[in-house]
Amino acid sequence: MFDTSNQHLQGGTVTVLDFAPAGTSIRAGVATIQLHDDLWRITRSTGEVLGYVQRIDSPAGHKYVAKRMLPRQRRFLAVGEFWTVDDAMDCFRF
């Protein structure tokens, strides 16, 4: 269905996905792919995975948690909680 590859860059591994399904938007150098109602994958235009944005429910309403992928450590780092999905996605541009 899709092809994944690992590219090695100066001692690190970068996960690259070779597809862009429906529901993809590209803005400011990053592509946003909605995986389901509450989860978006954030990639560079080259396909390198930067992280994910997940919608969570809170007593005050929906919040969006941005998680940056740390490929060398094979884990994710939560970089912040936001009140809008756009704000959560913007943190991956930098």
N, C-alpha and C. Protein backbone atom coordinates (compact mmCIF):
# COMPACT_ATOMS: atom_id res chain seq x y z
N MET A 1 0.81 -1.19 0.00
CA MET A 1 0.00 0.00 0.00
C MET A 1 0.86 1.26 0.00
N PHE A 2 1.87 1.29 0.88
CA PHE A 2 2.80 2.40 0.86
C PHE A 2 4.17 1.89 1.18
N ASP A 3 5.16 2.69 0.84
CA ASP A 3 6.54 2.28 1.01
C ASP A 3 7.18 3.16 2.07
N THR A 4 7.84 2.56 3.03
CA THR A 4 8.61 3.33 3.99
C THR A 4 10.07 3.00 3.78
N SER A 5 10.90 3.97 4.02
CA SER A 5 12.33 3.72 3.93
C SER A 5 13.02 4.50 5.03
N ASN A 6 14.17 4.03 5.41
CA ASN A 6 14.98 4.74 6.39
C ASN A 6 16.19 5.29 5.66
N GLN A 7 16.40 6.58 5.81
CA GLN A 7 17.55 7.23 5.21
C GLN A 7 18.51 7.61 6.33
N HIS A 8 19.78 7.40 6.12
CA HIS A 8 20.78 7.70 7.15
C HIS A 8 21.42 9.04 6.84
N LEU A 9 21.34 9.96 7.79
CA LEU A 9 21.91 11.29 7.63
C LEU A 9 22.85 11.58 8.79
N GLN A 10 24.13 11.67 8.53
CA GLN A 10 25.15 12.03 9.51
C GLN A 10 24.94 11.31 10.85
N GLY A 11 24.89 10.01 10.82
CA GLY A 11 24.81 9.23 12.03
C GLY A 11 23.41 9.00 12.56
N GLY A 12 22.38 9.58 11.94
CA GLY A 12 21.01 9.40 12.41
C GLY A 12 20.17 8.74 11.34
N THR A 13 19.02 8.25 11.73
CA THR A 13 18.09 7.63 10.80
C THR A 13 16.84 8.48 10.71
N VAL A 14 16.37 8.70 9.50
CA VAL A 14 15.17 9.49 9.26
C VAL A 14 14.14 8.59 8.61
N THR A 15 12.94 8.55 9.14
CA THR A 15 11.86 7.77 8.54
C THR A 15 11.20 8.60 7.46
N VAL A 16 11.09 8.04 6.25
CA VAL A 16 10.47 8.72 5.12
C VAL A 16 9.33 7.86 4.62
N LEU A 17 8.17 8.46 4.45
CA LEU A 17 7.00 7.76 3.93
C LEU A 17 6.79 8.18 2.49
N ASP A 18 6.62 7.23 1.61
CA ASP A 18 6.52 7.50 0.18
C ASP A 18 5.06 7.42 -0.27
N PHE A 19 4.21 8.29 0.28
CA PHE A 19 2.84 8.38 -0.16
C PHE A 19 2.21 9.63 0.43
N ALA A 20 1.11 10.06 -0.12
CA ALA A 20 0.35 11.20 0.40
C ALA A 20 -1.12 10.93 0.14
N PRO A 21 -1.81 10.32 1.09
CA PRO A 21 -3.21 9.98 0.89
C PRO A 21 -4.12 11.19 0.89
N ALA A 22 -5.38 10.96 0.60
CA ALA A 22 -6.37 12.03 0.66
C ALA A 22 -6.36 12.60 2.07
N GLY A 23 -6.68 13.87 2.20
CA GLY A 23 -6.66 14.50 3.51
C GLY A 23 -5.32 15.13 3.83
N THR A 24 -4.47 15.26 2.82
CA THR A 24 -3.15 15.84 3.00
C THR A 24 -3.19 17.32 2.67
N SER A 25 -2.56 18.13 3.50
CA SER A 25 -2.39 19.54 3.17
C SER A 25 -0.93 19.90 3.35
N ILE A 26 -0.45 20.81 2.54
CA ILE A 26 0.94 21.23 2.61
C ILE A 26 0.95 22.73 2.82
N ARG A 27 1.69 23.16 3.86
CA ARG A 27 1.80 24.59 4.12
C ARG A 27 3.13 24.86 4.78
N ALA A 28 3.74 25.93 4.44
CA ALA A 28 4.98 26.40 5.06
C ALA A 28 6.04 25.31 5.19
N GLY A 29 6.19 24.47 4.16
CA GLY A 29 7.24 23.48 4.16
C GLY A 29 6.93 22.18 4.88
N VAL A 30 5.74 22.05 5.47
CA VAL A 30 5.37 20.80 6.13
C VAL A 30 4.06 20.29 5.55
N ALA A 31 3.94 18.98 5.50
CA ALA A 31 2.71 18.34 5.02
C ALA A 31 1.98 17.77 6.23
N THR A 32 0.67 17.90 6.21
CA THR A 32 -0.17 17.40 7.29
C THR A 32 -1.07 16.31 6.73
N ILE A 33 -1.01 15.13 7.33
CA ILE A 33 -1.80 14.00 6.86
C ILE A 33 -2.69 13.54 8.01
N GLN A 34 -4.01 13.67 7.84
CA GLN A 34 -4.92 13.24 8.88
C GLN A 34 -5.07 11.73 8.82
N LEU A 35 -4.69 11.06 9.91
CA LEU A 35 -4.73 9.61 9.98
C LEU A 35 -6.08 9.09 10.45
N HIS A 36 -6.71 9.81 11.35
CA HIS A 36 -8.09 9.57 11.76
C HIS A 36 -8.60 10.83 12.45
N ASP A 37 -9.79 10.80 13.02
CA ASP A 37 -10.41 12.01 13.55
C ASP A 37 -9.54 12.77 14.55
N ASP A 38 -8.73 12.07 15.31
CA ASP A 38 -7.99 12.69 16.39
C ASP A 38 -6.47 12.65 16.24
N LEU A 39 -5.96 12.33 15.04
CA LEU A 39 -4.51 12.20 14.88
C LEU A 39 -4.06 12.65 13.49
N TRP A 40 -3.01 13.49 13.48
CA TRP A 40 -2.42 13.99 12.24
C TRP A 40 -0.93 13.70 12.26
N ARG A 41 -0.38 13.26 11.13
CA ARG A 41 1.07 13.07 10.97
C ARG A 41 1.61 14.33 10.30
N ILE A 42 2.73 14.81 10.79
CA ILE A 42 3.37 16.00 10.24
C ILE A 42 4.68 15.56 9.60
N THR A 43 4.88 15.90 8.33
CA THR A 43 6.10 15.54 7.61
C THR A 43 6.66 16.75 6.87
N ARG A 44 7.92 16.65 6.52
CA ARG A 44 8.49 17.64 5.59
C ARG A 44 7.97 17.31 4.20
N SER A 45 8.14 18.20 3.27
CA SER A 45 7.70 17.94 1.89
C SER A 45 8.48 16.79 1.27
N THR A 46 9.64 16.43 1.85
CA THR A 46 10.44 15.30 1.37
C THR A 46 9.90 13.96 1.85
N GLY A 47 8.97 13.99 2.81
CA GLY A 47 8.42 12.76 3.37
C GLY A 47 8.98 12.41 4.74
N GLU A 48 9.98 13.15 5.21
CA GLU A 48 10.56 12.90 6.54
C GLU A 48 9.51 13.18 7.62
N VAL A 49 9.28 12.22 8.49
CA VAL A 49 8.29 12.38 9.56
C VAL A 49 8.87 13.26 10.66
N LEU A 50 8.14 14.36 10.98
CA LEU A 50 8.56 15.26 12.05
C LEU A 50 7.88 14.92 13.37
N GLY A 51 6.63 14.46 13.29
CA GLY A 51 5.91 14.13 14.52
C GLY A 51 4.42 13.99 14.26
N TYR A 52 3.66 14.14 15.34
CA TYR A 52 2.21 13.95 15.29
C TYR A 52 1.51 15.02 16.11
N VAL A 53 0.27 15.30 15.74
CA VAL A 53 -0.62 16.13 16.56
C VAL A 53 -1.82 15.27 16.91
N GLN A 54 -2.12 15.22 18.21
CA GLN A 54 -3.23 14.41 18.68
C GLN A 54 -4.24 15.30 19.40
N ARG A 55 -5.52 15.12 19.06
CA ARG A 55 -6.58 15.86 19.74
C ARG A 55 -7.01 15.08 20.97
N ILE A 56 -7.09 15.76 22.09
CA ILE A 56 -7.55 15.13 23.32
C ILE A 56 -8.69 15.96 23.91
N ASP A 57 -9.57 15.31 24.64
CA ASP A 57 -10.66 16.00 25.30
C ASP A 57 -10.22 16.44 26.69
N SER A 58 -10.64 17.63 27.07
CA SER A 58 -10.38 18.13 28.41
C SER A 58 -11.68 18.77 28.92
N PRO A 59 -11.78 19.03 30.19
CA PRO A 59 -12.99 19.67 30.71
C PRO A 59 -13.29 21.03 30.06
N ALA A 60 -12.24 21.71 29.58
CA ALA A 60 -12.41 23.02 28.95
C ALA A 60 -12.66 22.92 27.44
N GLY A 61 -12.63 21.73 26.88
CA GLY A 61 -12.82 21.54 25.44
C GLY A 61 -11.67 20.75 24.83
N HIS A 62 -11.62 20.74 23.49
CA HIS A 62 -10.56 20.02 22.80
C HIS A 62 -9.22 20.74 22.97
N LYS A 63 -8.17 19.95 23.20
CA LYS A 63 -6.80 20.44 23.18
C LYS A 63 -6.03 19.60 22.16
N TYR A 64 -4.96 20.15 21.66
CA TYR A 64 -4.14 19.48 20.66
C TYR A 64 -2.71 19.37 21.19
N VAL A 65 -2.21 18.14 21.26
CA VAL A 65 -0.86 17.88 21.77
C VAL A 65 0.07 17.63 20.58
N ALA A 66 1.13 18.42 20.49
CA ALA A 66 2.14 18.23 19.45
C ALA A 66 3.25 17.36 20.02
N LYS A 67 3.62 16.31 19.27
CA LYS A 67 4.68 15.39 19.69
C LYS A 67 5.72 15.30 18.59
N ARG A 68 6.93 15.73 18.90
CA ARG A 68 8.02 15.68 17.93
C ARG A 68 8.69 14.31 17.99
N MET A 69 8.96 13.77 16.80
CA MET A 69 9.64 12.48 16.70
C MET A 69 11.14 12.68 16.90
N LEU A 70 11.72 11.86 17.78
CA LEU A 70 13.17 11.86 18.01
C LEU A 70 13.72 10.54 17.49
N PRO A 71 14.08 10.49 16.20
CA PRO A 71 14.44 9.21 15.57
C PRO A 71 15.64 8.52 16.21
N ARG A 72 16.61 9.27 16.67
CA ARG A 72 17.80 8.64 17.27
C ARG A 72 17.44 7.92 18.57
N GLN A 73 16.46 8.46 19.29
CA GLN A 73 16.05 7.87 20.55
C GLN A 73 14.84 6.95 20.40
N ARG A 74 14.27 6.93 19.21
CA ARG A 74 13.09 6.11 18.91
C ARG A 74 11.95 6.37 19.88
N ARG A 75 11.66 7.67 20.07
CA ARG A 75 10.55 8.05 20.93
C ARG A 75 10.01 9.40 20.50
N PHE A 76 8.96 9.84 21.17
CA PHE A 76 8.34 11.12 20.88
C PHE A 76 8.48 12.03 22.09
N LEU A 77 8.60 13.31 21.84
CA LEU A 77 8.69 14.31 22.88
C LEU A 77 7.51 15.26 22.74
N ALA A 78 6.68 15.34 23.77
CA ALA A 78 5.56 16.28 23.74
C ALA A 78 6.14 17.69 23.82
N VAL A 79 5.84 18.52 22.83
CA VAL A 79 6.40 19.88 22.79
C VAL A 79 5.40 20.93 23.23
N GLY A 80 4.14 20.55 23.42
CA GLY A 80 3.18 21.52 23.92
C GLY A 80 1.75 21.10 23.70
N GLU A 81 0.86 21.76 24.44
CA GLU A 81 -0.58 21.59 24.28
C GLU A 81 -1.15 22.91 23.79
N PHE A 82 -2.06 22.85 22.83
CA PHE A 82 -2.58 24.04 22.18
C PHE A 82 -4.11 23.97 22.10
N TRP A 83 -4.74 25.13 21.98
CA TRP A 83 -6.21 25.16 21.89
C TRP A 83 -6.70 25.04 20.46
N THR A 84 -5.81 25.21 19.47
CA THR A 84 -6.22 25.04 18.07
C THR A 84 -5.24 24.09 17.38
N VAL A 85 -5.75 23.35 16.41
CA VAL A 85 -4.91 22.42 15.66
C VAL A 85 -3.86 23.19 14.85
N ASP A 86 -4.22 24.37 14.36
CA ASP A 86 -3.27 25.17 13.59
C ASP A 86 -2.06 25.57 14.42
N ASP A 87 -2.30 25.98 15.67
CA ASP A 87 -1.19 26.35 16.55
C ASP A 87 -0.30 25.14 16.83
N ALA A 88 -0.89 23.99 17.05
CA ALA A 88 -0.11 22.77 17.31
C ALA A 88 0.75 22.41 16.10
N MET A 89 0.20 22.54 14.91
CA MET A 89 0.94 22.19 13.70
C MET A 89 2.04 23.19 13.39
N ASP A 90 1.82 24.45 13.78
CA ASP A 90 2.82 25.47 13.51
C ASP A 90 4.14 25.23 14.22
N CYS A 91 4.15 24.53 15.34
CA CYS A 91 5.40 24.33 16.06
C CYS A 91 6.36 23.43 15.28
N PHE A 92 5.90 22.72 14.26
CA PHE A 92 6.77 21.85 13.45
C PHE A 92 7.47 22.60 12.33
N ARG A 93 7.08 23.84 12.10
CA ARG A 93 7.69 24.62 11.02
C ARG A 93 9.09 25.09 11.37
N PHE A 94 9.44 25.07 12.64
CA PHE A 94 10.71 25.66 13.10
C PHE A 94 11.69 24.61 13.55
